[in-house]
N, C-alpha and C. Protein backbone atom coordinates (compact mmCIF):
# COMPACT_ATOMS: atom_id res chain seq x y z
N MET A 1 5.92 -6.01 -2.54
CA MET A 1 5.85 -5.67 -1.27
C MET A 1 6.89 -4.43 -1.14
N ILE A 2 8.16 -5.07 -1.86
CA ILE A 2 9.47 -4.46 -1.81
C ILE A 2 9.46 -3.18 -2.55
N TYR A 3 8.66 -3.22 -4.04
CA TYR A 3 8.40 -2.13 -4.48
C TYR A 3 7.63 -0.78 -3.82
N CYS A 4 6.34 -1.61 -3.18
CA CYS A 4 5.43 -0.82 -2.72
C CYS A 4 6.46 0.01 -1.35
N VAL A 5 7.38 -0.60 -0.76
CA VAL A 5 7.76 -0.09 0.49
C VAL A 5 8.80 0.77 0.13
N LYS A 6 9.79 0.60 -1.10
CA LYS A 6 10.87 1.64 -1.83
C LYS A 6 9.75 2.93 -2.09
N THR A 7 8.87 2.87 -3.04
CA THR A 7 8.22 3.85 -3.37
C THR A 7 7.50 4.52 -2.55
N LEU A 8 7.09 4.04 -1.30
CA LEU A 8 6.20 4.78 0.12
C LEU A 8 7.81 5.50 0.53
N ARG A 9 8.66 5.02 0.68
CA ARG A 9 9.74 6.01 1.51
C ARG A 9 10.20 7.16 0.54
N ARG A 10 10.06 6.66 -1.14
CA ARG A 10 10.64 7.49 -2.03
C ARG A 10 9.16 9.19 -2.02
N ILE A 11 8.29 8.69 -1.65
CA ILE A 11 7.10 9.38 -1.36
C ILE A 11 7.71 10.75 -0.51
N TYR A 12 7.40 9.83 0.57
CA TYR A 12 7.89 10.67 1.98
C TYR A 12 9.21 11.52 1.64
N THR A 13 10.13 11.15 1.14
CA THR A 13 11.19 11.95 0.89
C THR A 13 10.81 13.42 -0.34
N ASP A 14 10.17 12.94 -1.48
CA ASP A 14 9.29 13.88 -2.18
C ASP A 14 8.53 14.70 -0.98
N GLU A 15 8.11 14.32 -0.46
CA GLU A 15 7.10 15.40 0.52
C GLU A 15 8.21 16.19 1.50
N SER A 16 9.02 15.96 1.98
CA SER A 16 9.89 17.03 2.70
C SER A 16 10.73 17.60 2.25
N ASP A 17 11.28 16.99 0.53
CA ASP A 17 11.72 18.19 -0.09
C ASP A 17 10.94 19.10 -0.93
N LEU A 18 9.65 18.64 -1.00
CA LEU A 18 8.64 19.80 -1.64
C LEU A 18 8.55 21.00 -0.75
N LYS A 19 8.63 20.36 0.77
CA LYS A 19 8.25 21.40 1.88
C LYS A 19 9.24 22.25 1.97
N VAL A 20 10.22 21.75 1.71
CA VAL A 20 11.89 22.94 1.85
C VAL A 20 11.81 23.64 0.61
N ALA A 21 11.28 23.28 -0.79
CA ALA A 21 10.93 23.87 -1.76
C ALA A 21 10.42 25.20 -1.83
N ALA A 22 9.00 24.63 -0.70
CA ALA A 22 8.01 25.76 -0.58
C ALA A 22 8.32 26.97 -0.24
N LEU A 23 9.11 26.79 0.43
CA LEU A 23 9.53 27.76 1.35
C LEU A 23 10.44 29.19 0.48
N ASN A 24 10.86 28.39 -0.58
CA ASN A 24 11.89 29.14 -1.69
C ASN A 24 10.71 30.00 -2.72
N LYS A 25 10.29 29.20 -3.32
CA LYS A 25 9.75 29.33 -4.96
C LYS A 25 8.27 29.06 -5.02
N MET A 26 7.50 28.45 -4.33
CA MET A 26 6.28 28.12 -4.53
C MET A 26 4.99 28.73 -3.76
N THR A 27 4.04 29.17 -4.75
CA THR A 27 2.66 29.64 -4.42
C THR A 27 1.86 28.74 -3.37
N VAL A 28 1.33 29.51 -2.78
CA VAL A 28 0.64 28.25 -1.59
C VAL A 28 -0.48 27.17 -2.37
N LYS A 29 -1.12 28.34 -3.51
CA LYS A 29 -1.74 26.69 -4.66
C LYS A 29 -0.94 25.84 -5.13
N GLN A 30 0.17 26.19 -5.71
CA GLN A 30 1.03 25.08 -5.83
C GLN A 30 1.37 24.00 -5.28
N PHE A 31 1.82 24.39 -3.85
CA PHE A 31 2.19 23.66 -2.82
C PHE A 31 0.92 22.84 -2.44
N GLN A 32 -0.14 23.45 -2.23
CA GLN A 32 -1.07 22.47 -1.75
C GLN A 32 -1.74 21.65 -3.01
N GLU A 33 -1.61 21.67 -4.18
CA GLU A 33 -1.62 20.72 -5.45
C GLU A 33 -0.64 19.59 -5.32
N SER A 34 0.26 19.96 -5.25
CA SER A 34 1.52 18.96 -4.83
C SER A 34 1.22 17.67 -3.97
N LEU A 35 0.69 18.66 -2.73
CA LEU A 35 0.91 17.77 -1.57
C LEU A 35 -0.43 16.97 -2.01
N GLN A 36 -1.53 17.30 -2.46
CA GLN A 36 -2.73 16.43 -2.59
C GLN A 36 -2.25 15.63 -3.41
N VAL A 37 -1.36 15.89 -4.62
CA VAL A 37 -0.87 14.60 -5.72
C VAL A 37 -0.13 13.58 -4.80
N ILE A 38 0.96 14.01 -4.12
CA ILE A 38 1.71 12.99 -3.15
C ILE A 38 0.92 12.44 -2.27
N GLY A 39 -0.45 13.14 -1.52
CA GLY A 39 -1.22 12.26 -0.68
C GLY A 39 -1.80 10.64 -1.27
N GLU A 40 -2.38 11.27 -2.51
CA GLU A 40 -3.07 10.24 -3.45
C GLU A 40 -2.22 9.08 -3.70
N LEU A 41 -1.07 9.43 -3.95
CA LEU A 41 0.04 8.15 -4.41
C LEU A 41 0.36 7.71 -3.05
N ARG A 42 0.04 8.59 -1.91
CA ARG A 42 0.68 7.47 -0.97
C ARG A 42 -0.53 6.72 -0.33
N LYS A 43 -1.70 6.89 -0.59
CA LYS A 43 -3.31 6.25 -0.52
C LYS A 43 -2.82 5.07 -1.27
N ASP A 44 -2.44 5.12 -2.60
CA ASP A 44 -2.58 4.23 -3.46
C ASP A 44 -1.65 3.05 -3.31
N TYR A 45 -0.44 3.33 -2.81
CA TYR A 45 0.54 2.46 -2.54
C TYR A 45 0.39 2.01 -1.22
N ILE A 46 0.03 2.65 -0.40
CA ILE A 46 -0.12 1.79 0.84
C ILE A 46 -1.25 0.70 1.02
N MET A 47 -2.24 1.11 -0.11
CA MET A 47 -3.48 0.23 -0.64
C MET A 47 -2.74 -0.81 -1.48
N ASN A 48 -1.96 -0.88 -2.14
CA ASN A 48 -1.14 -2.04 -2.84
C ASN A 48 -0.51 -2.56 -2.07
N PHE A 49 0.18 -1.87 -1.32
CA PHE A 49 1.21 -2.98 -0.09
C PHE A 49 0.17 -3.93 0.58
N GLY A 50 -0.79 -3.37 1.30
CA GLY A 50 -1.94 -4.02 1.87
C GLY A 50 -2.30 -5.18 1.25
N ARG A 51 -2.81 -4.88 0.02
CA ARG A 51 -3.17 -6.13 -0.99
C ARG A 51 -2.17 -7.36 -1.12
N ALA A 52 -0.64 -6.87 -1.34
CA ALA A 52 0.29 -7.45 -1.54
C ALA A 52 0.75 -8.52 -0.36
N PHE A 53 0.38 -7.85 0.85
CA PHE A 53 0.39 -8.60 1.95
C PHE A 53 -0.49 -9.60 2.30
N CYS A 54 -1.77 -9.10 2.12
CA CYS A 54 -2.89 -10.31 2.20
C CYS A 54 -2.36 -10.91 1.52
N ASP A 55 -2.34 -10.98 0.09
CA ASP A 55 -1.89 -12.06 -0.95
C ASP A 55 -0.60 -12.96 -0.53
N PHE A 56 0.15 -12.37 -0.05
CA PHE A 56 1.45 -13.06 0.39
C PHE A 56 1.19 -13.90 1.32
N ALA A 57 0.31 -13.85 2.41
CA ALA A 57 -0.32 -14.51 3.05
C ALA A 57 -0.81 -15.98 2.78
N VAL A 58 -1.91 -15.82 1.67
CA VAL A 58 -2.65 -16.68 1.44
C VAL A 58 -1.63 -17.60 0.29
N CYS A 59 -0.66 -16.99 -0.09
CA CYS A 59 0.59 -17.61 -0.81
C CYS A 59 1.28 -18.62 0.08
N LEU A 60 1.65 -18.15 0.88
CA LEU A 60 2.51 -18.82 1.97
C LEU A 60 1.69 -20.10 2.72
N ASN A 61 0.41 -20.03 2.82
CA ASN A 61 -0.44 -20.91 3.45
C ASN A 61 -0.51 -22.18 2.37
N ASP A 62 -1.13 -21.92 0.91
CA ASP A 62 -1.18 -22.62 0.18
C ASP A 62 0.02 -23.13 -0.31
N ASN A 63 1.01 -22.72 0.11
CA ASN A 63 2.62 -23.70 -0.28
C ASN A 63 3.10 -23.99 0.91
N GLU A 64 2.05 -24.09 1.99
CA GLU A 64 2.45 -24.89 3.27
C GLU A 64 3.93 -24.08 4.16
N VAL A 65 4.02 -23.13 3.87
CA VAL A 65 5.07 -22.94 4.58
C VAL A 65 5.42 -22.66 6.08
N PRO A 66 4.11 -22.19 6.40
CA PRO A 66 4.11 -22.14 7.60
C PRO A 66 4.02 -23.88 8.75
N LYS A 67 3.51 -24.22 7.74
CA LYS A 67 3.38 -25.80 8.37
C LYS A 67 4.80 -26.22 8.45
N ARG A 68 5.64 -25.86 7.32
CA ARG A 68 7.02 -26.67 7.36
C ARG A 68 7.85 -26.09 8.82
N MET A 69 7.46 -24.47 8.70
CA MET A 69 8.37 -23.97 9.80
C MET A 69 7.89 -23.89 10.86
N PHE A 70 6.57 -23.91 11.26
CA PHE A 70 6.02 -24.00 12.43
C PHE A 70 4.93 -25.23 13.08
N GLY A 71 5.10 -26.11 12.44
CA GLY A 71 4.39 -27.58 12.27
C GLY A 71 2.71 -27.12 12.56
N ILE A 72 2.14 -25.66 12.09
CA ILE A 72 0.80 -25.74 11.61
C ILE A 72 0.55 -24.96 10.63
N ARG A 73 -0.61 -25.17 10.10
CA ARG A 73 -1.07 -24.28 9.07
C ARG A 73 -2.22 -23.67 9.55
N MET A 74 -2.42 -22.30 8.67
CA MET A 74 -3.36 -21.44 8.98
C MET A 74 -4.60 -22.08 8.97
N ASN A 75 -5.73 -21.98 9.15
CA ASN A 75 -7.14 -22.36 9.22
C ASN A 75 -7.32 -21.64 8.17
N GLN A 76 -8.67 -22.05 7.50
CA GLN A 76 -9.11 -21.65 6.64
C GLN A 76 -9.64 -20.53 6.61
N GLY A 77 -10.51 -20.17 7.84
CA GLY A 77 -10.98 -18.69 8.45
C GLY A 77 -9.92 -17.84 8.03
N VAL A 78 -8.96 -17.94 8.56
CA VAL A 78 -7.88 -16.96 8.56
C VAL A 78 -7.34 -16.63 7.09
N GLU A 79 -7.26 -17.54 6.59
CA GLU A 79 -7.06 -17.36 4.82
C GLU A 79 -8.10 -16.78 4.36
N GLY A 80 -9.20 -17.15 4.60
CA GLY A 80 -10.13 -16.39 3.78
C GLY A 80 -10.49 -15.08 4.37
N ILE A 81 -10.12 -14.33 5.08
CA ILE A 81 -10.24 -13.08 5.85
C ILE A 81 -9.01 -12.36 5.36
N PHE A 82 -7.95 -13.00 5.10
CA PHE A 82 -6.67 -12.20 4.00
C PHE A 82 -7.24 -12.12 2.62
N GLY A 83 -7.93 -13.20 1.97
CA GLY A 83 -8.42 -13.29 0.85
C GLY A 83 -9.34 -11.78 0.79
N MET A 84 -10.39 -12.03 1.69
CA MET A 84 -11.44 -11.04 1.46
C MET A 84 -10.96 -9.61 1.64
N ALA A 85 -9.79 -9.58 2.50
CA ALA A 85 -9.15 -8.30 2.84
C ALA A 85 -8.77 -7.65 1.64
N SER A 86 -7.95 -8.38 0.57
CA SER A 86 -7.38 -8.33 -0.56
C SER A 86 -8.25 -7.86 -1.39
N ALA A 87 -9.24 -8.55 -1.80
CA ALA A 87 -10.43 -8.48 -2.65
C ALA A 87 -10.93 -6.77 -2.42
N VAL A 88 -11.44 -6.79 -0.83
CA VAL A 88 -11.88 -5.36 -0.51
C VAL A 88 -11.20 -4.12 -1.33
N LEU A 89 -9.85 -4.36 -0.96
CA LEU A 89 -8.83 -3.27 -1.20
C LEU A 89 -9.22 -3.13 -2.98
N TYR A 90 -8.69 -3.87 -3.45
CA TYR A 90 -8.93 -4.24 -5.17
C TYR A 90 -10.19 -3.66 -5.45
N LEU A 91 -10.95 -3.85 -5.03
CA LEU A 91 -12.51 -3.19 -5.34
C LEU A 91 -12.22 -1.67 -4.96
N TYR A 92 -11.92 -1.27 -3.91
CA TYR A 92 -12.01 0.13 -3.47
C TYR A 92 -10.73 1.12 -4.12
N ALA A 93 -9.90 0.20 -4.71
CA ALA A 93 -8.81 0.54 -5.74
C ALA A 93 -9.69 0.90 -6.91
N ILE A 94 -10.35 0.27 -7.59
CA ILE A 94 -11.14 0.59 -8.58
C ILE A 94 -12.24 1.94 -8.54
N ASN A 95 -12.57 1.40 -7.24
CA ASN A 95 -13.97 2.67 -7.43
C ASN A 95 -13.28 4.11 -7.14
N ARG A 96 -11.96 4.26 -6.45
CA ARG A 96 -11.04 5.20 -6.16
C ARG A 96 -10.76 5.89 -7.94
N MET A 97 -10.51 5.12 -8.40
CA MET A 97 -9.72 5.32 -10.32
C MET A 97 -11.31 5.92 -10.87
N LYS A 98 -12.47 5.26 -10.74
CA LYS A 98 -13.54 5.85 -11.50
C LYS A 98 -14.07 7.43 -10.94
N THR A 99 -13.74 7.50 -9.44
CA THR A 99 -14.23 9.24 -8.96
C THR A 99 -13.24 10.16 -9.50
């Protein structure tokens, strides 16, 4: 998750640097292509962050961290929702790579 956050922050910085550079030396087509590449990277890392977060929640519950900290455990429905969300994001990412 930390890697995804760092990469997302770098992508936003790269996008702002690209906008500044576009004023001086880029054509409109180059600028649009670069923005499209940056947008695709952002989507990929946002999905990776979502998957990592969902998997992290499931792992925390399996290791009984919420029970030790708060005295309660997440019910199986919530754990299942996080697991299904992670699986759906993974399948969506695979589908995006094929197209």
